[in-house]
Amino acid sequence: MLTRLVALALLSAPVGAADFRGLNFGDSCASVRSWEEARGSSAIPWTSPSRADLRAFKGREYDRDLTIMYLCSDGSLFSGNYFFPSEPLDVAVGSYRSMYDLFVSTYGAPFVDNTPWQIGGSTPDKRIISPDPRKYMVYWKTARLRTHLDLAPNLPTEKPGWRVVVVISANKQ
């Protein structure tokens, strides 16, 4: 009975307890597809620019539909990415700001902050912050994780627009 309760507690743990969705960095990527499908995500084809092991899904996180990508090295999780839907620049900046606020509440003040909001960032003089939102970049560093928040233009093959990109990786000291 105790074994079942422990197993249930582990399965019920919040996704945020893991480094990226349900996995910790270094865990095997073998269960990624079944993990995502169990949460309603669907696999999407992704052309890798190299021989990298990429696994991409259409899924839901942060109360929105987005693309979820797992980058695996030698079968183990190396990095996790979220690609938000394409939006006009002003709308994407609003999405970026809401993620910024969420991550500040989760991780605290950024390690590097190139935004006009500057909640305890490492840039002491706001005059050197670009007023151009296309150059915003924020980076959090915790004992376990490095989290990057960027605003990226669409690829030339896509319709014009911008998207929020979140990259989460292990903080290897």
Protein backbone atom coordinates (compact mmCIF):
# COMPACT_ATOMS: atom_id res chain seq x y z
CA MET A 1 0.00 0.00 0.00
CA LEU A 2 2.80 2.44 0.92
CA THR A 3 4.56 1.71 -2.37
CA ARG A 4 1.42 2.62 -4.31
CA LEU A 5 1.00 5.87 -2.37
CA VAL A 6 4.61 6.86 -3.07
CA ALA A 7 4.19 6.03 -6.76
CA LEU A 8 0.96 8.04 -6.89
CA ALA A 9 2.65 11.00 -5.19
CA LEU A 10 5.51 10.90 -7.69
CA LEU A 11 3.12 10.74 -10.64
CA SER A 12 1.06 13.57 -9.18
CA ALA A 13 4.02 15.89 -8.66
CA PRO A 14 3.67 19.17 -10.49
CA VAL A 15 5.37 19.44 -13.85
CA GLY A 16 7.37 22.39 -12.51
CA ALA A 17 9.19 20.02 -10.18
CA ALA A 18 11.17 18.67 -13.15
CA ASP A 19 13.71 20.68 -15.11
CA PHE A 20 11.64 20.67 -18.32
CA ARG A 21 8.08 19.44 -18.31
CA GLY A 22 8.34 15.89 -16.92
CA LEU A 23 12.07 15.31 -17.25
CA ASN A 24 15.24 16.39 -15.55
CA PHE A 25 18.27 17.20 -17.66
CA GLY A 26 20.27 14.04 -18.22
CA ASP A 27 17.16 11.79 -18.09
CA SER A 28 16.52 9.47 -21.01
CA CYS A 29 14.47 10.91 -23.86
CA ALA A 30 12.93 7.51 -24.58
CA SER A 31 9.63 8.38 -22.88
CA VAL A 32 9.22 11.89 -24.34
CA ARG A 33 6.67 10.92 -27.00
CA SER A 34 4.43 8.95 -24.64
CA TRP A 35 4.76 11.70 -21.99
CA GLU A 36 3.63 14.38 -24.44
CA GLU A 37 0.87 12.29 -26.02
CA ALA A 38 -0.53 11.53 -22.54
CA ARG A 39 -0.86 15.31 -22.08
CA GLY A 40 -2.66 15.83 -25.37
CA SER A 41 0.35 16.98 -27.41
CA SER A 42 0.93 15.70 -30.93
CA ALA A 43 4.28 14.97 -32.53
CA ILE A 44 5.27 17.18 -35.44
CA PRO A 45 7.98 16.54 -38.01
CA TRP A 46 11.05 18.66 -37.46
CA THR A 47 13.94 18.88 -39.85
CA SER A 48 17.12 18.94 -37.85
CA PRO A 49 19.87 21.24 -39.16
CA SER A 50 22.42 18.60 -38.15
CA ARG A 51 22.38 15.15 -36.69
CA ALA A 52 20.89 16.51 -33.48
CA ASP A 53 18.18 14.44 -31.83
CA LEU A 54 15.17 16.79 -31.79
CA ARG A 55 11.66 15.86 -30.74
CA ALA A 56 8.97 18.43 -31.43
CA PHE A 57 5.31 18.59 -30.44
CA LYS A 58 2.31 20.84 -30.73
CA GLY A 59 1.07 21.20 -27.20
CA ARG A 60 -0.14 23.52 -24.53
CA GLU A 61 1.76 25.38 -21.82
CA TYR A 62 1.43 28.82 -20.22
CA ASP A 63 -2.27 28.84 -21.18
CA ARG A 64 -1.54 28.83 -24.91
CA ASP A 65 -0.87 26.52 -27.80
CA LEU A 66 2.79 26.38 -28.75
CA THR A 67 5.59 24.22 -30.11
CA ILE A 68 7.54 22.22 -27.56
CA MET A 69 10.98 20.92 -28.45
CA TYR A 70 13.24 18.50 -26.63
CA LEU A 71 16.92 18.46 -27.61
CA CYS A 72 18.59 15.20 -26.70
CA SER A 73 22.26 14.28 -26.75
CA ASP A 74 23.26 10.63 -26.62
CA GLY A 75 19.65 9.79 -25.75
CA SER A 76 19.48 12.16 -22.77
CA LEU A 77 17.66 15.47 -22.35
CA PHE A 78 20.04 18.35 -23.00
CA SER A 79 17.68 21.32 -23.47
CA GLY A 80 13.99 22.13 -23.71
CA ASN A 81 12.44 24.89 -25.81
CA TYR A 82 9.08 26.58 -26.18
CA PHE A 83 8.24 28.42 -29.39
CA PHE A 84 5.21 30.66 -29.09
CA PRO A 85 2.92 31.28 -32.08
CA SER A 86 3.83 34.01 -34.53
CA GLU A 87 2.40 37.42 -33.65
CA PRO A 88 2.74 41.04 -34.79
CA LEU A 89 5.62 42.72 -32.95
CA ASP A 90 3.46 44.73 -30.52
CA VAL A 91 1.44 41.64 -29.55
CA ALA A 92 4.61 39.52 -29.22
CA VAL A 93 6.09 42.16 -26.88
CA GLY A 94 2.99 41.79 -24.68
CA SER A 95 3.45 37.99 -24.64
CA TYR A 96 7.13 38.50 -23.86
CA ARG A 97 6.30 40.81 -20.95
CA SER A 98 3.82 38.32 -19.47
CA MET A 99 6.48 35.56 -19.62
CA TYR A 100 9.02 37.95 -18.10
CA ASP A 101 6.68 38.59 -15.17
CA LEU A 102 5.99 34.87 -14.74
CA PHE A 103 9.69 33.99 -14.74
CA VAL A 104 10.51 36.78 -12.29
CA SER A 105 7.91 35.31 -9.93
CA THR A 106 9.41 31.84 -10.47
CA TYR A 107 13.17 32.51 -10.61
CA GLY A 108 13.55 35.96 -9.08
CA ALA A 109 15.53 38.80 -10.61
CA PRO A 110 17.23 37.98 -13.92
CA PHE A 111 20.98 37.41 -14.12
CA VAL A 112 21.07 39.48 -17.34
CA ASP A 113 18.23 41.80 -18.29
CA ASN A 114 18.09 43.80 -21.51
CA THR A 115 14.53 45.09 -21.15
CA PRO A 116 13.14 48.40 -19.96
CA TRP A 117 11.46 46.66 -16.99
CA GLN A 118 14.74 45.89 -15.16
CA ILE A 119 13.64 44.00 -12.07
CA GLY A 120 16.99 43.66 -10.36
CA GLY A 121 18.87 42.89 -13.56
CA SER A 122 22.60 43.21 -13.98
CA THR A 123 22.44 46.31 -16.18
CA PRO A 124 22.94 49.26 -13.83
CA ASP A 125 22.42 52.07 -16.33
CA LYS A 126 19.08 51.94 -18.15
CA ARG A 127 20.40 54.32 -20.81
CA ILE A 128 22.27 51.41 -22.38
CA ILE A 129 19.06 49.38 -22.74
CA SER A 130 17.88 49.45 -26.32
CA PRO A 131 14.40 50.91 -26.69
CA ASP A 132 13.98 48.53 -29.64
CA PRO A 133 11.96 45.49 -28.45
CA ARG A 134 13.57 43.40 -31.18
CA LYS A 135 16.73 43.49 -29.06
CA TYR A 136 15.20 42.43 -25.73
CA MET A 137 16.91 39.48 -24.05
CA VAL A 138 16.62 38.12 -20.52
CA TYR A 139 18.55 35.34 -18.83
CA TRP A 140 17.98 33.65 -15.47
CA LYS A 141 20.54 31.42 -13.81
CA THR A 142 19.64 29.22 -10.86
CA ALA A 143 21.55 26.43 -9.14
CA ARG A 144 20.02 23.91 -11.60
CA LEU A 145 18.82 25.83 -14.65
CA ARG A 146 19.60 28.48 -17.22
CA THR A 147 16.50 30.03 -18.73
CA HIS A 148 16.63 32.37 -21.72
CA LEU A 149 13.69 34.48 -22.86
CA ASP A 150 14.02 35.96 -26.33
CA LEU A 151 11.93 37.67 -28.96
CA ALA A 152 12.75 36.25 -32.40
CA PRO A 153 11.67 37.19 -35.92
CA ASN A 154 9.98 34.59 -38.06
CA LEU A 155 12.09 32.74 -40.57
CA PRO A 156 12.26 34.25 -44.08
CA THR A 157 10.12 31.33 -45.32
CA GLU A 158 7.29 32.30 -42.93
CA LYS A 159 4.87 35.19 -43.00
CA PRO A 160 6.27 38.29 -41.28
CA GLY A 161 5.94 38.25 -37.50
CA TRP A 162 7.64 37.63 -34.19
CA ARG A 163 7.55 34.94 -31.54
CA VAL A 164 8.58 34.48 -27.96
CA VAL A 165 11.20 31.76 -27.50
CA VAL A 166 12.07 30.14 -24.18
CA VAL A 167 15.20 27.98 -23.91
CA ILE A 168 15.80 26.01 -20.71
CA SER A 169 19.01 24.09 -20.13
CA ALA A 170 21.06 22.70 -17.28
CA ASN A 171 23.30 25.05 -15.35
CA LYS A 172 26.57 23.18 -15.45
CA GLN A 173 29.00 24.93 -13.18
